Amino acid sequence: MPYLLPQTATRSIQILAPDVSTSLSISAPASKKAGESFAISGILVRNDTGGPVSGASIALKYNGTSLGSATTGVDGDYLRTVSIPSVGTFTLTASFGGMTVAGVQLGPSEAYSRLVLQGEVNPLMLLVVLAGGYLLLRGK
């Protein structure tokens, strides 16, 4: 009669901390009209030297929805022109996932900004007057 032995396997996973942490900035207007194009920009730097990180991919999102990505230039700066069609208040996020440069692991970083998108002015002009219990609405 054959005997079945329990089979187990283990695997070691080594998680390495980044050699160098990074800092990422984000700049965007505080308010715009919904659907209007605007620029998101910023800079990615190494925290050990303060030097720029070039060739890095920066993911851009609003409230978790992708706006695409931008790549940092030789000065560590990135720029992308985007638009958001909806009215509301949004959190813009720029994210760097980390990368290895010349054998040095650069750690991830994120930056946030708040943006208010307003709707178009309604061509119907409302004049509201409360006097003696009357409400007057007048259209243009």
N, C-alpha and C. Protein backbone atom coordinates (compact mmCIF):
# COMPACT_ATOMS: atom_id res chain seq x y z
N MET A 1 0.84 -1.16 0.00
CA MET A 1 0.00 0.00 0.00
C MET A 1 0.90 1.24 0.00
N PRO A 2 0.65 2.13 -0.94
CA PRO A 2 1.49 3.32 -1.00
C PRO A 2 1.09 4.33 0.07
N TYR A 3 2.09 5.01 0.57
CA TYR A 3 1.86 6.06 1.57
C TYR A 3 2.03 7.42 0.91
N LEU A 4 1.08 8.31 1.17
CA LEU A 4 1.17 9.67 0.66
C LEU A 4 1.66 10.58 1.78
N LEU A 5 2.72 11.24 1.48
CA LEU A 5 3.28 12.17 2.46
C LEU A 5 2.77 13.58 2.19
N PRO A 6 2.52 14.35 3.22
CA PRO A 6 2.08 15.72 2.99
C PRO A 6 3.18 16.50 2.26
N GLN A 7 2.75 17.31 1.33
CA GLN A 7 3.71 18.06 0.53
C GLN A 7 3.63 19.53 0.92
N THR A 8 4.74 20.08 1.23
CA THR A 8 4.79 21.50 1.57
C THR A 8 5.91 22.14 0.78
N ALA A 9 5.73 23.42 0.58
CA ALA A 9 6.77 24.17 -0.12
C ALA A 9 6.84 25.55 0.51
N THR A 10 8.01 26.06 0.56
CA THR A 10 8.19 27.42 1.06
C THR A 10 9.02 28.19 0.06
N ARG A 11 8.77 29.44 0.04
CA ARG A 11 9.54 30.31 -0.83
C ARG A 11 9.82 31.58 -0.06
N SER A 12 11.03 32.02 -0.09
CA SER A 12 11.39 33.26 0.58
C SER A 12 11.25 34.41 -0.40
N ILE A 13 10.66 35.48 0.09
CA ILE A 13 10.53 36.69 -0.70
C ILE A 13 11.24 37.80 0.05
N GLN A 14 12.15 38.42 -0.63
CA GLN A 14 12.90 39.49 -0.01
C GLN A 14 12.32 40.82 -0.50
N ILE A 15 11.88 41.64 0.46
CA ILE A 15 11.36 42.96 0.13
C ILE A 15 12.41 43.97 0.52
N LEU A 16 12.85 44.70 -0.48
CA LEU A 16 13.91 45.67 -0.24
C LEU A 16 13.33 47.07 -0.09
N ALA A 17 13.80 47.76 0.91
CA ALA A 17 13.43 49.16 1.07
C ALA A 17 14.19 49.96 0.02
N PRO A 18 13.61 51.05 -0.44
CA PRO A 18 14.33 51.85 -1.44
C PRO A 18 15.62 52.41 -0.85
N ASP A 19 16.63 52.52 -1.71
CA ASP A 19 17.89 53.10 -1.29
C ASP A 19 17.74 54.59 -1.02
N VAL A 20 16.92 55.24 -1.84
CA VAL A 20 16.75 56.70 -1.76
C VAL A 20 15.28 57.05 -1.87
N SER A 21 14.79 57.86 -0.94
CA SER A 21 13.41 58.33 -1.04
C SER A 21 13.33 59.51 -2.00
N THR A 22 12.12 59.80 -2.46
CA THR A 22 11.92 60.89 -3.43
C THR A 22 10.82 61.82 -2.94
N SER A 23 10.78 63.01 -3.52
CA SER A 23 9.70 63.97 -3.25
C SER A 23 9.13 64.41 -4.59
N LEU A 24 7.81 64.46 -4.65
CA LEU A 24 7.09 64.83 -5.86
C LEU A 24 6.20 66.01 -5.55
N SER A 25 6.17 67.00 -6.43
CA SER A 25 5.27 68.14 -6.26
C SER A 25 4.22 68.14 -7.37
N ILE A 26 3.12 68.86 -7.12
CA ILE A 26 2.07 69.01 -8.13
C ILE A 26 1.58 70.45 -8.09
N SER A 27 1.34 70.98 -9.27
CA SER A 27 0.81 72.33 -9.40
C SER A 27 -0.32 72.30 -10.42
N ALA A 28 -1.46 72.90 -10.04
CA ALA A 28 -2.63 72.98 -10.92
C ALA A 28 -3.45 74.17 -10.46
N PRO A 29 -4.29 74.70 -11.33
CA PRO A 29 -5.13 75.83 -10.90
C PRO A 29 -6.09 75.39 -9.79
N ALA A 30 -6.51 76.34 -8.98
CA ALA A 30 -7.45 76.04 -7.90
C ALA A 30 -8.87 75.88 -8.44
N SER A 31 -9.17 76.58 -9.53
CA SER A 31 -10.50 76.45 -10.11
C SER A 31 -10.46 76.71 -11.62
N LYS A 32 -11.36 76.08 -12.32
CA LYS A 32 -11.53 76.22 -13.78
C LYS A 32 -12.98 75.91 -14.10
N LYS A 33 -13.35 76.11 -15.36
CA LYS A 33 -14.67 75.69 -15.82
C LYS A 33 -14.60 74.23 -16.25
N ALA A 34 -15.65 73.49 -16.00
CA ALA A 34 -15.71 72.09 -16.40
C ALA A 34 -15.51 71.98 -17.91
N GLY A 35 -14.68 71.04 -18.33
CA GLY A 35 -14.40 70.82 -19.75
C GLY A 35 -13.29 71.69 -20.30
N GLU A 36 -12.85 72.68 -19.55
CA GLU A 36 -11.79 73.57 -20.01
C GLU A 36 -10.42 72.93 -19.75
N SER A 37 -9.51 73.04 -20.70
CA SER A 37 -8.17 72.46 -20.54
C SER A 37 -7.36 73.23 -19.51
N PHE A 38 -6.53 72.51 -18.78
CA PHE A 38 -5.61 73.12 -17.82
C PHE A 38 -4.37 72.26 -17.69
N ALA A 39 -3.31 72.85 -17.19
CA ALA A 39 -2.03 72.16 -17.06
C ALA A 39 -1.83 71.64 -15.64
N ILE A 40 -1.29 70.43 -15.56
CA ILE A 40 -0.82 69.87 -14.30
C ILE A 40 0.69 69.73 -14.46
N SER A 41 1.44 70.25 -13.51
CA SER A 41 2.91 70.19 -13.60
C SER A 41 3.49 69.91 -12.22
N GLY A 42 4.76 69.62 -12.20
CA GLY A 42 5.45 69.37 -10.93
C GLY A 42 6.88 68.96 -11.17
N ILE A 43 7.55 68.61 -10.08
CA ILE A 43 8.96 68.23 -10.13
C ILE A 43 9.17 67.01 -9.23
N LEU A 44 10.01 66.08 -9.69
CA LEU A 44 10.41 64.91 -8.92
C LEU A 44 11.90 65.02 -8.59
N VAL A 45 12.23 64.93 -7.29
CA VAL A 45 13.63 65.03 -6.87
C VAL A 45 13.99 63.90 -5.92
N ARG A 46 15.29 63.62 -5.86
CA ARG A 46 15.85 62.67 -4.90
C ARG A 46 15.99 63.39 -3.57
N ASN A 47 15.65 62.71 -2.47
CA ASN A 47 15.78 63.35 -1.16
C ASN A 47 17.22 63.36 -0.63
N ASP A 48 18.08 62.48 -1.15
CA ASP A 48 19.46 62.46 -0.65
C ASP A 48 20.29 63.61 -1.20
N THR A 49 20.10 63.94 -2.47
CA THR A 49 20.92 64.99 -3.09
C THR A 49 20.10 66.22 -3.47
N GLY A 50 18.78 66.08 -3.51
CA GLY A 50 17.94 67.17 -3.99
C GLY A 50 17.96 67.29 -5.50
N GLY A 51 18.66 66.37 -6.14
CA GLY A 51 18.78 66.39 -7.60
C GLY A 51 17.53 65.89 -8.29
N PRO A 52 17.32 66.33 -9.53
CA PRO A 52 16.14 65.92 -10.29
C PRO A 52 16.21 64.46 -10.72
N VAL A 53 15.04 63.87 -10.91
CA VAL A 53 14.94 62.51 -11.43
C VAL A 53 14.34 62.63 -12.83
N SER A 54 15.13 62.29 -13.84
CA SER A 54 14.64 62.37 -15.22
C SER A 54 14.20 61.01 -15.72
N GLY A 55 13.30 61.03 -16.71
CA GLY A 55 12.84 59.79 -17.33
C GLY A 55 11.86 58.99 -16.50
N ALA A 56 11.29 59.59 -15.46
CA ALA A 56 10.35 58.88 -14.59
C ALA A 56 8.92 59.07 -15.09
N SER A 57 8.12 58.04 -14.96
CA SER A 57 6.71 58.11 -15.34
C SER A 57 5.89 58.57 -14.14
N ILE A 58 5.08 59.61 -14.36
CA ILE A 58 4.22 60.17 -13.31
C ILE A 58 2.77 59.91 -13.72
N ALA A 59 2.05 59.14 -12.91
CA ALA A 59 0.64 58.85 -13.17
C ALA A 59 -0.20 59.99 -12.60
N LEU A 60 -1.17 60.46 -13.39
CA LEU A 60 -2.02 61.57 -12.97
C LEU A 60 -3.47 61.09 -12.89
N LYS A 61 -4.15 61.45 -11.79
CA LYS A 61 -5.54 61.02 -11.58
C LYS A 61 -6.34 62.15 -10.95
N TYR A 62 -7.66 62.08 -11.15
CA TYR A 62 -8.58 62.92 -10.39
C TYR A 62 -9.60 62.01 -9.73
N ASN A 63 -9.72 62.10 -8.41
CA ASN A 63 -10.61 61.24 -7.63
C ASN A 63 -10.49 59.77 -8.03
N GLY A 64 -9.28 59.32 -8.33
CA GLY A 64 -9.02 57.93 -8.68
C GLY A 64 -9.16 57.59 -10.15
N THR A 65 -9.66 58.52 -10.97
CA THR A 65 -9.82 58.29 -12.40
C THR A 65 -8.59 58.80 -13.15
N SER A 66 -8.06 57.98 -14.03
CA SER A 66 -6.82 58.32 -14.74
C SER A 66 -6.97 59.52 -15.67
N LEU A 67 -5.96 60.38 -15.63
CA LEU A 67 -5.81 61.48 -16.59
C LEU A 67 -4.63 61.20 -17.52
N GLY A 68 -4.07 60.00 -17.45
CA GLY A 68 -2.90 59.65 -18.25
C GLY A 68 -1.63 59.79 -17.43
N SER A 69 -0.53 59.93 -18.12
CA SER A 69 0.75 60.04 -17.43
C SER A 69 1.64 61.06 -18.14
N ALA A 70 2.68 61.44 -17.46
CA ALA A 70 3.68 62.36 -18.00
C ALA A 70 5.05 61.80 -17.64
N THR A 71 6.07 62.17 -18.39
CA THR A 71 7.43 61.73 -18.14
C THR A 71 8.28 62.93 -17.75
N THR A 72 9.08 62.76 -16.70
CA THR A 72 9.92 63.86 -16.24
C THR A 72 11.06 64.12 -17.21
N GLY A 73 11.38 65.39 -17.36
CA GLY A 73 12.49 65.81 -18.22
C GLY A 73 13.80 65.83 -17.46
N VAL A 74 14.84 66.38 -18.06
CA VAL A 74 16.17 66.39 -17.45
C VAL A 74 16.20 67.18 -16.15
N ASP A 75 15.29 68.12 -15.97
CA ASP A 75 15.23 68.90 -14.74
C ASP A 75 14.27 68.29 -13.71
N GLY A 76 13.75 67.08 -13.99
CA GLY A 76 12.84 66.40 -13.08
C GLY A 76 11.41 66.91 -13.18
N ASP A 77 11.16 67.81 -14.13
CA ASP A 77 9.84 68.41 -14.26
C ASP A 77 8.94 67.62 -15.21
N TYR A 78 7.65 67.70 -14.95
CA TYR A 78 6.66 67.07 -15.84
C TYR A 78 5.54 68.07 -16.11
N LEU A 79 4.85 67.88 -17.22
CA LEU A 79 3.74 68.75 -17.60
C LEU A 79 2.78 67.96 -18.47
N ARG A 80 1.49 68.09 -18.17
CA ARG A 80 0.47 67.46 -19.00
C ARG A 80 -0.76 68.37 -19.00
N THR A 81 -1.32 68.59 -20.18
CA THR A 81 -2.54 69.36 -20.31
C THR A 81 -3.71 68.39 -20.34
N VAL A 82 -4.70 68.63 -19.49
CA VAL A 82 -5.83 67.72 -19.34
C VAL A 82 -7.13 68.52 -19.26
N SER A 83 -8.24 67.82 -19.27
CA SER A 83 -9.54 68.44 -18.98
C SER A 83 -10.41 67.42 -18.29
N ILE A 84 -11.32 67.92 -17.47
CA ILE A 84 -12.28 67.08 -16.75
C ILE A 84 -13.66 67.62 -17.09
N PRO A 85 -14.54 66.80 -17.63
CA PRO A 85 -15.83 67.29 -18.12
C PRO A 85 -16.86 67.61 -17.03
N SER A 86 -16.66 67.11 -15.83
CA SER A 86 -17.67 67.22 -14.78
C SER A 86 -17.50 68.45 -13.90
N VAL A 87 -18.61 68.92 -13.35
CA VAL A 87 -18.61 69.99 -12.36
C VAL A 87 -18.39 69.36 -10.99
N GLY A 88 -17.62 70.01 -10.12
CA GLY A 88 -17.43 69.50 -8.77
C GLY A 88 -16.08 69.85 -8.21
N THR A 89 -15.80 69.31 -7.04
CA THR A 89 -14.52 69.48 -6.37
C THR A 89 -13.76 68.17 -6.47
N PHE A 90 -12.52 68.24 -6.94
CA PHE A 90 -11.74 67.04 -7.23
C PHE A 90 -10.39 67.09 -6.52
N THR A 91 -9.89 65.90 -6.19
CA THR A 91 -8.54 65.77 -5.69
C THR A 91 -7.68 65.27 -6.84
N LEU A 92 -6.69 66.06 -7.23
CA LEU A 92 -5.73 65.65 -8.25
C LEU A 92 -4.58 64.94 -7.57
N THR A 93 -4.14 63.83 -8.15
CA THR A 93 -3.04 63.05 -7.58
C THR A 93 -1.97 62.82 -8.63
N ALA A 94 -0.73 63.08 -8.25
CA ALA A 94 0.43 62.73 -9.07
C ALA A 94 1.17 61.64 -8.32
N SER A 95 1.48 60.53 -9.00
CA SER A 95 2.13 59.39 -8.34
C SER A 95 3.35 58.93 -9.11
N PHE A 96 4.42 58.71 -8.37
CA PHE A 96 5.64 58.11 -8.92
C PHE A 96 5.79 56.76 -8.23
N GLY A 97 5.87 55.69 -9.01
CA GLY A 97 5.91 54.34 -8.47
C GLY A 97 7.28 53.84 -8.05
N GLY A 98 8.31 54.62 -8.30
CA GLY A 98 9.68 54.18 -7.99
C GLY A 98 10.35 53.63 -9.23
N MET A 99 11.68 53.58 -9.20
CA MET A 99 12.45 53.03 -10.32
C MET A 99 13.90 52.85 -9.88
N THR A 100 14.65 52.12 -10.67
CA THR A 100 16.07 51.92 -10.41
C THR A 100 16.88 52.72 -11.42
N VAL A 101 17.80 53.52 -10.90
CA VAL A 101 18.67 54.35 -11.74
C VAL A 101 20.11 54.08 -11.32
N ALA A 102 20.91 53.61 -12.26
CA ALA A 102 22.33 53.32 -12.00
C ALA A 102 22.51 52.46 -10.75
N GLY A 103 21.66 51.44 -10.60
CA GLY A 103 21.77 50.52 -9.48
C GLY A 103 21.21 51.03 -8.16
N VAL A 104 20.62 52.21 -8.17
CA VAL A 104 20.04 52.79 -6.96
C VAL A 104 18.52 52.75 -7.08
N GLN A 105 17.87 52.17 -6.08
CA GLN A 105 16.41 52.08 -6.07
C GLN A 105 15.83 53.38 -5.53
N LEU A 106 15.06 54.08 -6.37
CA LEU A 106 14.39 55.30 -5.95
C LEU A 106 12.98 54.95 -5.50
N GLY A 107 12.60 55.40 -4.32
CA GLY A 107 11.30 55.05 -3.74
C GLY A 107 10.15 55.84 -4.32
N PRO A 108 8.93 55.34 -4.13
CA PRO A 108 7.73 55.99 -4.65
C PRO A 108 7.39 57.26 -3.86
N SER A 109 6.61 58.13 -4.49
CA SER A 109 6.10 59.32 -3.80
C SER A 109 4.83 59.79 -4.50
N GLU A 110 4.03 60.57 -3.77
CA GLU A 110 2.77 61.10 -4.29
C GLU A 110 2.62 62.56 -3.88
N ALA A 111 1.81 63.29 -4.65
CA ALA A 111 1.47 64.67 -4.33
C ALA A 111 0.00 64.89 -4.67
N TYR A 112 -0.63 65.81 -3.95
CA TYR A 112 -2.06 66.05 -4.10
C TYR A 112 -2.36 67.54 -4.26
N SER A 113 -3.45 67.83 -4.97
CA SER A 113 -3.91 69.20 -5.14
C SER A 113 -5.43 69.17 -5.24
N ARG A 114 -6.07 70.24 -4.85
CA ARG A 114 -7.54 70.35 -4.91
C ARG A 114 -7.93 71.24 -6.09
N LEU A 115 -8.95 70.84 -6.81
CA LEU A 115 -9.43 71.58 -7.98
C LEU A 115 -10.95 71.67 -7.92
N VAL A 116 -11.48 72.89 -8.12
CA VAL A 116 -12.92 73.10 -8.19
C VAL A 116 -13.27 73.42 -9.64
N LEU A 117 -14.15 72.61 -10.24
CA LEU A 117 -14.61 72.85 -11.60
C LEU A 117 -16.04 73.36 -11.55
N GLN A 118 -16.23 74.52 -12.15
CA GLN A 118 -17.54 75.16 -12.14
C GLN A 118 -18.23 74.96 -13.47
N GLY A 119 -19.56 75.01 -13.45
CA GLY A 119 -20.33 74.88 -14.67
C GLY A 119 -20.42 76.20 -15.41
N GLU A 120 -20.90 76.13 -16.63
CA GLU A 120 -21.13 77.33 -17.43
C GLU A 120 -22.24 78.15 -16.79
N VAL A 121 -22.20 79.46 -17.01
CA VAL A 121 -23.27 80.31 -16.52
C VAL A 121 -24.53 80.02 -17.33
N ASN A 122 -25.62 79.77 -16.63
CA ASN A 122 -26.89 79.46 -17.28
C ASN A 122 -27.41 80.71 -17.98
N PRO A 123 -27.78 80.62 -19.25
CA PRO A 123 -28.27 81.81 -19.96
C PRO A 123 -29.58 82.33 -19.40
N LEU A 124 -30.27 81.52 -18.63
CA LEU A 124 -31.50 81.96 -17.99
C LEU A 124 -31.12 82.72 -16.73
N MET A 125 -31.34 84.02 -16.75
CA MET A 125 -30.99 84.83 -15.60
C MET A 125 -32.14 84.79 -14.61
N LEU A 126 -31.84 84.42 -13.39
CA LEU A 126 -32.87 84.35 -12.37
C LEU A 126 -32.73 85.53 -11.44
N LEU A 127 -33.82 86.24 -11.28
CA LEU A 127 -33.86 87.34 -10.33
C LEU A 127 -34.85 86.93 -9.26
N VAL A 128 -34.35 86.72 -8.10
CA VAL A 128 -35.21 86.27 -7.02
C VAL A 128 -35.37 87.41 -6.03
N VAL A 129 -36.61 87.82 -5.85
CA VAL A 129 -36.90 88.90 -4.91
C VAL A 129 -37.95 88.40 -3.93
N LEU A 130 -37.62 88.42 -2.68
CA LEU A 130 -38.58 88.04 -1.66
C LEU A 130 -39.05 89.33 -0.98
N ALA A 131 -40.26 89.73 -1.31
CA ALA A 131 -40.82 90.94 -0.71
C ALA A 131 -42.31 90.75 -0.56
N GLY A 132 -42.80 90.87 0.63
CA GLY A 132 -44.22 90.74 0.87
C GLY A 132 -44.76 89.39 0.45
N GLY A 133 -43.95 88.32 0.47
CA GLY A 133 -44.42 87.00 0.15
C GLY A 133 -44.42 86.68 -1.34
N TYR A 134 -43.82 87.52 -2.16
CA TYR A 134 -43.78 87.27 -3.61
C TYR A 134 -42.41 86.74 -4.02
N LEU A 135 -42.39 85.85 -4.96
CA LEU A 135 -41.17 85.31 -5.55
C LEU A 135 -41.26 85.57 -7.04
N LEU A 136 -40.34 86.39 -7.55
CA LEU A 136 -40.36 86.75 -8.96
C LEU A 136 -39.19 86.08 -9.68
N LEU A 137 -39.45 85.28 -10.69
CA LEU A 137 -38.41 84.67 -11.51
C LEU A 137 -38.53 85.28 -12.89
N ARG A 138 -37.46 85.86 -13.36
CA ARG A 138 -37.50 86.50 -14.66
C ARG A 138 -36.43 85.88 -15.56
N GLY A 139 -36.82 85.41 -16.73
CA GLY A 139 -35.87 84.84 -17.68
C GLY A 139 -35.38 85.89 -18.65
N LYS A 140 -34.23 85.65 -19.25
CA LYS A 140 -33.64 86.57 -20.21
C LYS A 140 -34.12 86.27 -21.60
